[in-house]
Amino acid sequence: MGIQSEKEVIPFAKFKDDKWYMKEDKPFIDIKTYRKKQKMITIRDTQLEDEHYYVLVESDIKPYYLKKLLSESIFDNEIRTK
């Protein structure tokens, strides 16, 4: 994750082995996603640091979106018992 300038990408964090690693000399940036219909989002007091910056992204995800993404075949009894 970073900022792209005209000449290069300036990295703030790197994703490796299922984990984000923050660059020591860069600000901490956290991306928070909330649903379009939500009226409020919260950030816990442990996340309120002077050097933390937040990007808030509004999404319009339909309810039960995972159900539509997953194939019925993965719920098949025959597959689970193998």
C-alpha atoms as a PDB file:
ATOM      1  CA  MET A   1       0.000   0.000   0.000  1.00  0.00           C
ATOM      2  CA  GLY A   2       1.352   3.396  -0.866  1.00  0.00           C
ATOM      3  CA  ILE A   3       1.028   6.518  -2.906  1.00  0.00           C
ATOM      4  CA  GLN A   4       1.833   6.603  -6.586  1.00  0.00           C
ATOM      5  CA  SER A   5       3.628   9.691  -7.797  1.00  0.00           C
ATOM      6  CA  GLU A   6       4.402  10.494 -11.422  1.00  0.00           C
ATOM      7  CA  LYS A   7       7.717   8.626 -11.185  1.00  0.00           C
ATOM      8  CA  GLU A   8       7.310   5.917  -8.549  1.00  0.00           C
ATOM      9  CA  VAL A   9       5.187   4.205  -5.905  1.00  0.00           C
ATOM     10  CA  ILE A  10       6.049   5.339  -2.379  1.00  0.00           C
ATOM     11  CA  PRO A  11       5.249   2.345  -0.140  1.00  0.00           C
ATOM     12  CA  PHE A  12       3.756   2.709   3.343  1.00  0.00           C
ATOM     13  CA  ALA A  13       3.180  -0.986   3.997  1.00  0.00           C
ATOM     14  CA  LYS A  14       3.875  -4.370   2.466  1.00  0.00           C
ATOM     15  CA  PHE A  15       1.612  -7.440   2.542  1.00  0.00           C
ATOM     16  CA  LYS A  16       3.571 -10.661   3.034  1.00  0.00           C
ATOM     17  CA  ASP A  17       2.597 -14.074   4.419  1.00  0.00           C
ATOM     18  CA  ASP A  18      -0.991 -12.962   5.216  1.00  0.00           C
ATOM     19  CA  LYS A  19       0.169  -9.987   7.291  1.00  0.00           C
ATOM     20  CA  TRP A  20       0.713  -6.260   6.750  1.00  0.00           C
ATOM     21  CA  TYR A  21       4.168  -4.895   7.587  1.00  0.00           C
ATOM     22  CA  MET A  22       4.358  -1.137   8.069  1.00  0.00           C
ATOM     23  CA  LYS A  23       7.392   0.827   6.869  1.00  0.00           C
ATOM     24  CA  GLU A  24       9.161   2.332   9.885  1.00  0.00           C
ATOM     25  CA  ASP A  25       9.783   5.737   8.326  1.00  0.00           C
ATOM     26  CA  LYS A  26       6.250   6.162   6.940  1.00  0.00           C
ATOM     27  CA  PRO A  27       2.916   7.102   8.576  1.00  0.00           C
ATOM     28  CA  PHE A  28       0.512   4.396   9.711  1.00  0.00           C
ATOM     29  CA  ILE A  29      -2.453   4.257   7.318  1.00  0.00           C
ATOM     30  CA  ASP A  30      -5.532   2.146   8.041  1.00  0.00           C
ATOM     31  CA  ILE A  31      -8.365   1.629   5.562  1.00  0.00           C
ATOM     32  CA  LYS A  32     -11.821   1.268   7.110  1.00  0.00           C
ATOM     33  CA  THR A  33     -14.769   0.115   5.025  1.00  0.00           C
ATOM     34  CA  TYR A  34     -18.348   0.790   6.027  1.00  0.00           C
ATOM     35  CA  ARG A  35     -21.679   0.050   4.412  1.00  0.00           C
ATOM     36  CA  LYS A  36     -23.562   2.750   2.596  1.00  0.00           C
ATOM     37  CA  LYS A  37     -26.522   2.453   4.974  1.00  0.00           C
ATOM     38  CA  GLN A  38     -24.416   2.754   8.139  1.00  0.00           C
ATOM     39  CA  LYS A  39     -24.960   5.936  10.113  1.00  0.00           C
ATOM     40  CA  MET A  40     -21.855   5.741  12.292  1.00  0.00           C
ATOM     41  CA  ILE A  41     -18.423   4.149  12.384  1.00  0.00           C
ATOM     42  CA  THR A  42     -16.181   3.860  15.408  1.00  0.00           C
ATOM     43  CA  ILE A  43     -12.495   3.745  16.136  1.00  0.00           C
ATOM     44  CA  ARG A  44     -11.405   2.374  19.493  1.00  0.00           C
ATOM     45  CA  ASP A  45      -9.252   4.444  21.820  1.00  0.00           C
ATOM     46  CA  THR A  46      -6.336   2.050  21.214  1.00  0.00           C
ATOM     47  CA  GLN A  47      -6.394   3.184  17.563  1.00  0.00           C
ATOM     48  CA  LEU A  48      -6.241   6.896  18.344  1.00  0.00           C
ATOM     49  CA  GLU A  49      -2.590   7.705  17.845  1.00  0.00           C
ATOM     50  CA  ASP A  50      -1.120  10.950  16.541  1.00  0.00           C
ATOM     51  CA  GLU A  51       0.666   9.188  13.691  1.00  0.00           C
ATOM     52  CA  HIS A  52      -2.327   7.085  12.538  1.00  0.00           C
ATOM     53  CA  TYR A  53      -4.239   8.160   9.445  1.00  0.00           C
ATOM     54  CA  TYR A  54      -7.502   6.629   8.279  1.00  0.00           C
ATOM     55  CA  VAL A  55      -9.007   6.237   4.840  1.00  0.00           C
ATOM     56  CA  LEU A  56     -12.768   5.667   5.005  1.00  0.00           C
ATOM     57  CA  VAL A  57     -14.325   3.809   2.088  1.00  0.00           C
ATOM     58  CA  GLU A  58     -18.073   3.579   1.616  1.00  0.00           C
ATOM     59  CA  SER A  59     -19.231   0.288   0.114  1.00  0.00           C
ATOM     60  CA  ASP A  60     -22.551  -0.858  -1.248  1.00  0.00           C
ATOM     61  CA  ILE A  61     -22.264  -4.579  -0.536  1.00  0.00           C
ATOM     62  CA  LYS A  62     -25.507  -6.494  -0.719  1.00  0.00           C
ATOM     63  CA  PRO A  63     -26.562  -8.612   2.273  1.00  0.00           C
ATOM     64  CA  TYR A  64     -25.424 -12.221   2.058  1.00  0.00           C
ATOM     65  CA  TYR A  65     -22.863 -11.413  -0.634  1.00  0.00           C
ATOM     66  CA  LEU A  66     -20.668 -14.328   0.468  1.00  0.00           C
ATOM     67  CA  LYS A  67     -23.501 -16.782  -0.082  1.00  0.00           C
ATOM     68  CA  LYS A  68     -23.754 -15.668  -3.697  1.00  0.00           C
ATOM     69  CA  LEU A  69     -19.999 -15.938  -4.196  1.00  0.00           C
ATOM     70  CA  LEU A  70     -19.687 -19.465  -2.859  1.00  0.00           C
ATOM     71  CA  SER A  71     -20.762 -22.381  -4.983  1.00  0.00           C
ATOM     72  CA  GLU A  72     -23.408 -24.714  -3.637  1.00  0.00           C
ATOM     73  CA  SER A  73     -21.022 -27.602  -4.334  1.00  0.00           C
ATOM     74  CA  ILE A  74     -18.761 -26.705  -1.397  1.00  0.00           C
ATOM     75  CA  PHE A  75     -21.647 -27.426   0.936  1.00  0.00           C
ATOM     76  CA  ASP A  76     -22.170 -30.872  -0.531  1.00  0.00           C
ATOM     77  CA  ASN A  77     -22.024 -33.580   2.157  1.00  0.00           C
ATOM     78  CA  GLU A  78     -19.915 -35.823  -0.051  1.00  0.00           C
ATOM     79  CA  ILE A  79     -17.120 -33.239  -0.272  1.00  0.00           C
ATOM     80  CA  ARG A  80     -17.019 -32.605   3.499  1.00  0.00           C
ATOM     81  CA  THR A  81     -16.646 -36.271   4.368  1.00  0.00           C
ATOM     82  CA  LYS A  82     -13.624 -36.936   2.151  1.00  0.00           C
END
